[in-house]
Amino acid sequence: MQRGDGLRGVVAVDGPAGTGKSTVARRLAAWLGARYLDTGAMYRAAALGVLRAGVDTSDATAVSEVVARSRIEVGTDPDSSSVLLEGEDVSREIRGSAVTTAVSPVSAVSQVRGLLVAQQRRIISDATAGGGGIVVEGRDVGTVVVPDAPLKVFLTATAAQRAARRAAQDGVEDLAEVRRAVERRDRFDSTRATSPMCAAEDAVELDTTALDIEAVLGRLHELAVARGLVVLAVRGRT
């Protein structure tokens, strides 16, 4: 993979927490001069709005009303993406434990998903207008948000490996508790009635358990080239 290659179209990267999808999606977008969209950050911002409003996350009607009137904005620059809630940068706050606990029930509300999927599709349409490219990561990108994406990848890894990565990322020592939290999130996201997390039928499944980031990046780049989505940079004259 050479810097200067360019992406055209959409690469959808889905998978559960701890598979490396955020790091891989962001770095692939940066390398290919493409835009980057973290759909999970939008749901986290929505969950933060619900928490700030003092609404019970199990009250679907109240949750959807809060999200409907919330102004959530996400940047698509992979080198400096931001998440704004009512104009305030909440990029750091949405990664806290309170939001992590609230995001699954909030994102399970069908009206919430409808609102945010519509916004995500507008962002993707703007990014790809005129032949641009975007790497989109989440849990239902290939199945719901962009079901016609020319490249869909579903990343997996063992629960133990994903918990270890998440614990290292968050600086948490209680690995057993992190694993329980990861498995709870998996169950919630894969069994929700609306847009459950699962691999699209035509997605390429990639187990990242024994792979480092560079290896995963290389594989995604190969797939994008094979699908005709990458315009290769000129390597020099012969």
Protein backbone atom coordinates (compact mmCIF):
# COMPACT_ATOMS: atom_id res chain seq x y z
CA MET A 1 0.00 0.00 0.00
CA GLN A 2 1.43 3.35 -1.06
CA ARG A 3 0.41 6.78 0.16
CA GLY A 4 -1.14 8.60 -2.74
CA ASP A 5 -3.52 5.81 -3.71
CA GLY A 6 -7.07 7.15 -3.83
CA LEU A 7 -10.38 5.60 -2.79
CA ARG A 8 -13.51 5.88 -4.92
CA GLY A 9 -16.80 4.74 -3.39
CA VAL A 10 -17.70 3.22 -0.03
CA VAL A 11 -15.88 0.72 2.15
CA ALA A 12 -18.15 -0.54 4.94
CA VAL A 13 -16.35 -1.88 8.01
CA ASP A 14 -18.54 -3.57 10.62
CA GLY A 15 -17.91 -5.66 13.68
CA PRO A 16 -18.13 -5.77 17.47
CA ALA A 17 -16.00 -3.77 19.90
CA GLY A 18 -12.33 -4.67 20.16
CA THR A 19 -11.84 -5.97 16.64
CA GLY A 20 -9.77 -2.94 15.66
CA LYS A 21 -12.32 -1.52 13.26
CA SER A 22 -12.06 2.11 14.42
CA THR A 23 -8.29 2.24 14.10
CA VAL A 24 -8.27 0.36 10.81
CA ALA A 25 -11.10 2.35 9.23
CA ARG A 26 -9.60 5.69 10.22
CA ARG A 27 -6.11 4.80 9.03
CA LEU A 28 -7.34 3.33 5.76
CA ALA A 29 -9.31 6.49 5.02
CA ALA A 30 -6.33 8.71 5.85
CA TRP A 31 -3.99 6.64 3.68
CA LEU A 32 -6.32 6.71 0.70
CA GLY A 33 -7.21 10.38 0.95
CA ALA A 34 -10.82 9.49 1.71
CA ARG A 35 -13.40 10.67 4.22
CA TYR A 36 -14.15 8.70 7.39
CA LEU A 37 -17.40 8.19 9.26
CA ASP A 38 -17.71 6.65 12.71
CA THR A 39 -21.41 5.82 12.97
CA GLY A 40 -20.95 4.52 16.49
CA ALA A 41 -19.84 7.96 17.65
CA MET A 42 -23.18 9.35 16.48
CA TYR A 43 -25.07 6.85 18.64
CA ARG A 44 -22.79 7.68 21.55
CA ALA A 45 -23.54 11.38 21.10
CA ALA A 46 -27.24 10.56 21.05
CA ALA A 47 -26.84 8.54 24.26
CA LEU A 48 -25.03 11.45 25.90
CA GLY A 49 -27.88 13.76 24.94
CA VAL A 50 -30.35 11.36 26.54
CA LEU A 51 -28.29 11.19 29.73
CA ARG A 52 -28.00 14.97 29.91
CA ALA A 53 -31.76 15.25 29.50
CA GLY A 54 -32.25 12.96 32.49
CA VAL A 55 -34.34 10.54 30.46
CA ASP A 56 -34.65 6.85 31.32
CA THR A 57 -32.89 4.93 28.53
CA SER A 58 -35.63 2.27 28.68
CA ASP A 59 -38.30 4.83 27.74
CA ALA A 60 -38.22 4.52 23.96
CA THR A 61 -40.66 7.37 23.33
CA ALA A 62 -38.79 9.85 25.52
CA VAL A 63 -35.43 8.73 24.12
CA SER A 64 -36.56 9.22 20.52
CA GLU A 65 -37.96 12.67 21.35
CA VAL A 66 -34.65 13.78 22.86
CA VAL A 67 -32.63 12.50 19.91
CA ALA A 68 -35.04 14.05 17.39
CA ARG A 69 -34.38 17.52 18.79
CA SER A 70 -30.64 16.99 19.35
CA ARG A 71 -28.10 18.51 16.98
CA ILE A 72 -25.42 15.90 16.35
CA GLU A 73 -22.58 16.70 13.97
CA VAL A 74 -19.60 14.54 13.06
CA GLY A 75 -16.49 15.49 11.14
CA THR A 76 -15.27 13.21 8.36
CA ASP A 77 -11.58 14.15 8.30
CA PRO A 78 -9.79 10.96 9.40
CA ASP A 79 -6.89 12.97 10.79
CA SER A 80 -9.03 15.17 13.05
CA SER A 81 -12.60 13.92 13.17
CA SER A 82 -14.83 15.59 15.75
CA VAL A 83 -18.18 14.86 17.36
CA LEU A 84 -20.38 17.79 18.33
CA LEU A 85 -23.54 17.78 20.42
CA GLU A 86 -25.40 21.09 20.28
CA GLY A 87 -22.18 22.66 19.00
CA GLU A 88 -20.05 21.32 21.88
CA ASP A 89 -17.15 18.99 21.17
CA VAL A 90 -17.97 15.81 23.10
CA SER A 91 -15.42 13.54 21.44
CA ARG A 92 -13.83 12.63 24.77
CA GLU A 93 -16.97 12.54 26.91
CA ILE A 94 -18.78 10.02 24.69
CA ARG A 95 -16.07 7.45 25.42
CA GLY A 96 -16.81 7.45 29.15
CA SER A 97 -18.34 4.52 31.03
CA ALA A 98 -21.75 6.18 31.49
CA VAL A 99 -22.23 6.61 27.76
CA THR A 100 -20.83 3.16 27.04
CA THR A 101 -23.52 1.70 29.30
CA ALA A 102 -26.30 3.82 27.79
CA VAL A 103 -25.47 3.53 24.11
CA SER A 104 -26.86 0.02 23.52
CA PRO A 105 -30.40 0.69 24.80
CA VAL A 106 -30.50 4.09 23.12
CA SER A 107 -29.27 2.74 19.78
CA ALA A 108 -31.81 -0.09 19.96
CA VAL A 109 -34.72 2.38 19.64
CA SER A 110 -35.99 2.10 16.06
CA GLN A 111 -36.83 5.81 15.75
CA VAL A 112 -33.31 6.72 16.86
CA ARG A 113 -31.79 4.42 14.28
CA GLY A 114 -34.06 5.84 11.60
CA LEU A 115 -32.99 9.40 12.37
CA LEU A 116 -29.28 8.67 12.50
CA VAL A 117 -29.21 6.33 9.50
CA ALA A 118 -30.82 9.07 7.40
CA GLN A 119 -28.11 11.50 8.55
CA GLN A 120 -25.37 8.95 7.89
CA ARG A 121 -26.63 8.38 4.36
CA ARG A 122 -26.56 12.12 3.65
CA ILE A 123 -22.95 12.32 4.88
CA ILE A 124 -21.96 9.36 2.71
CA SER A 125 -23.72 10.80 -0.33
CA ASP A 126 -21.91 14.12 0.09
CA ALA A 127 -18.55 12.38 0.52
CA THR A 128 -18.90 10.26 -2.61
CA ALA A 129 -20.35 12.95 -4.84
CA GLY A 130 -18.10 13.56 -7.82
CA GLY A 131 -16.17 10.33 -7.39
CA GLY A 132 -15.01 10.70 -3.79
CA GLY A 133 -14.49 7.91 -1.31
CA ILE A 134 -15.38 7.21 2.31
CA VAL A 135 -14.65 4.48 4.84
CA VAL A 136 -17.64 3.95 7.14
CA GLU A 137 -17.45 1.93 10.33
CA GLY A 138 -20.12 0.65 12.66
CA ARG A 139 -22.32 -2.34 13.36
CA ASP A 140 -24.95 -2.16 10.60
CA VAL A 141 -23.20 -0.25 7.82
CA GLY A 142 -23.14 -3.10 5.32
CA THR A 143 -26.58 -4.45 6.21
CA VAL A 144 -28.61 -1.25 6.66
CA VAL A 145 -26.79 2.05 6.10
CA VAL A 146 -25.13 1.22 2.76
CA PRO A 147 -26.37 -2.23 1.72
CA ASP A 148 -25.09 -1.61 -1.81
CA ALA A 149 -21.54 -0.75 -0.72
CA PRO A 150 -19.11 -2.34 -3.20
CA LEU A 151 -16.90 -3.59 -0.37
CA LYS A 152 -18.24 -4.79 2.97
CA VAL A 153 -15.93 -6.17 5.62
CA PHE A 154 -16.96 -7.73 8.92
CA LEU A 155 -14.15 -7.91 11.46
CA THR A 156 -14.16 -10.53 14.20
CA ALA A 157 -11.87 -11.65 17.03
CA THR A 158 -12.19 -13.85 20.09
CA ALA A 159 -13.91 -12.34 23.12
CA ALA A 160 -10.71 -12.75 25.14
CA GLN A 161 -8.62 -10.86 22.59
CA ARG A 162 -11.20 -8.12 22.19
CA ALA A 163 -11.45 -7.64 25.94
CA ALA A 164 -7.66 -7.43 26.23
CA ARG A 165 -7.53 -4.76 23.52
CA ARG A 166 -10.34 -2.75 25.10
CA ALA A 167 -8.76 -2.97 28.57
CA ALA A 168 -5.41 -1.78 27.20
CA GLN A 169 -7.11 1.04 25.29
CA ASP A 170 -9.05 2.26 28.32
CA GLY A 171 -6.31 1.60 30.88
CA VAL A 172 -8.48 -0.84 32.85
CA GLU A 173 -6.89 -3.58 34.96
CA ASP A 174 -9.97 -5.74 35.62
CA LEU A 175 -9.85 -7.81 32.44
CA ALA A 176 -12.66 -10.13 33.57
CA GLU A 177 -15.08 -7.23 34.00
CA VAL A 178 -14.11 -5.78 30.62
CA ARG A 179 -14.79 -9.15 29.01
CA ARG A 180 -18.20 -9.35 30.67
CA ALA A 181 -19.01 -5.85 29.41
CA VAL A 182 -17.88 -6.73 25.89
CA GLU A 183 -20.01 -9.88 25.86
CA ARG A 184 -23.05 -8.00 27.22
CA ARG A 185 -22.72 -5.45 24.43
CA ASP A 186 -22.39 -8.24 21.87
CA ARG A 187 -25.59 -9.89 23.09
CA PHE A 188 -27.51 -6.63 23.16
CA ASP A 189 -26.40 -5.48 19.72
CA SER A 190 -26.83 -8.84 18.00
CA THR A 191 -30.31 -9.54 19.39
CA ARG A 192 -31.99 -6.11 19.15
CA ALA A 193 -35.13 -6.06 17.05
CA THR A 194 -34.00 -3.19 14.80
CA SER A 195 -30.82 -3.52 12.72
CA PRO A 196 -29.12 -6.25 14.75
CA MET A 197 -25.36 -6.49 14.39
CA CYS A 198 -24.48 -9.19 11.89
CA ALA A 199 -22.36 -9.70 8.82
CA ALA A 200 -23.96 -8.91 5.49
CA GLU A 201 -24.39 -11.96 3.26
CA ASP A 202 -21.79 -10.63 0.84
CA ALA A 203 -19.37 -9.28 3.45
CA VAL A 204 -15.79 -10.49 3.68
CA GLU A 205 -15.26 -11.79 7.22
CA LEU A 206 -11.80 -11.21 8.63
CA ASP A 207 -10.64 -12.64 11.96
CA THR A 208 -8.22 -10.14 13.51
CA THR A 209 -7.38 -12.19 16.61
CA ALA A 210 -3.82 -12.93 15.52
CA LEU A 211 -3.36 -9.92 13.20
CA ASP A 212 -1.81 -6.57 13.96
CA ILE A 213 -3.17 -3.33 12.55
CA GLU A 214 -0.73 -3.25 9.64
CA ALA A 215 -1.78 -6.74 8.54
CA VAL A 216 -5.48 -5.84 8.67
CA LEU A 217 -4.83 -2.60 6.79
CA GLY A 218 -2.96 -4.48 4.10
CA ARG A 219 -5.78 -6.96 3.68
CA LEU A 220 -8.43 -4.21 3.40
CA HIS A 221 -6.33 -2.37 0.85
CA GLU A 222 -5.98 -5.56 -1.21
CA LEU A 223 -9.74 -6.06 -1.13
CA ALA A 224 -10.42 -2.47 -2.17
CA VAL A 225 -7.98 -2.76 -5.07
CA ALA A 226 -9.54 -6.06 -6.15
CA ARG A 227 -12.99 -4.41 -6.19
CA GLY A 228 -11.71 -1.58 -8.37
CA LEU A 229 -12.21 1.05 -5.67
CA VAL A 230 -8.62 2.27 -5.48
CA VAL A 231 -7.00 4.54 -8.00
CA LEU A 232 -3.32 3.64 -7.73
CA ALA A 233 -0.81 6.44 -7.55
CA VAL A 234 1.86 6.73 -10.22
CA ARG A 235 4.96 4.96 -8.90
CA GLY A 236 7.45 6.63 -11.18
CA ARG A 237 8.65 6.31 -14.75
CA THR A 238 10.45 3.33 -16.20
